[in-house]
Amino acid sequence: MFKNYFKGIEGIATYPMFTLVVFFLFFLGLSIWLIRADKKKLDEIGQLPLQESADDSKPSQS
């Protein structure tokens, strides 16, 4: 059904290649950032959801 619509678009073959390059560059950049990132800081950020804050220990007054 959509093949007929896509046949009428000039240069449609370039869009899949463009999106592939964009996603590849994004994940490549993310991978480089992860390799170069400070491991101690990443561990600290990873522990944030597991830590209790002072607000969590107080009983709610509702």
Foldseek 3Di string as FASTA:
>chain_A
DCVVVLVPDPPSVVVVVVVVVVVVVVVVVVVVCVVPDDPVVVVVVVCVVVDDDPVNVDDDDD
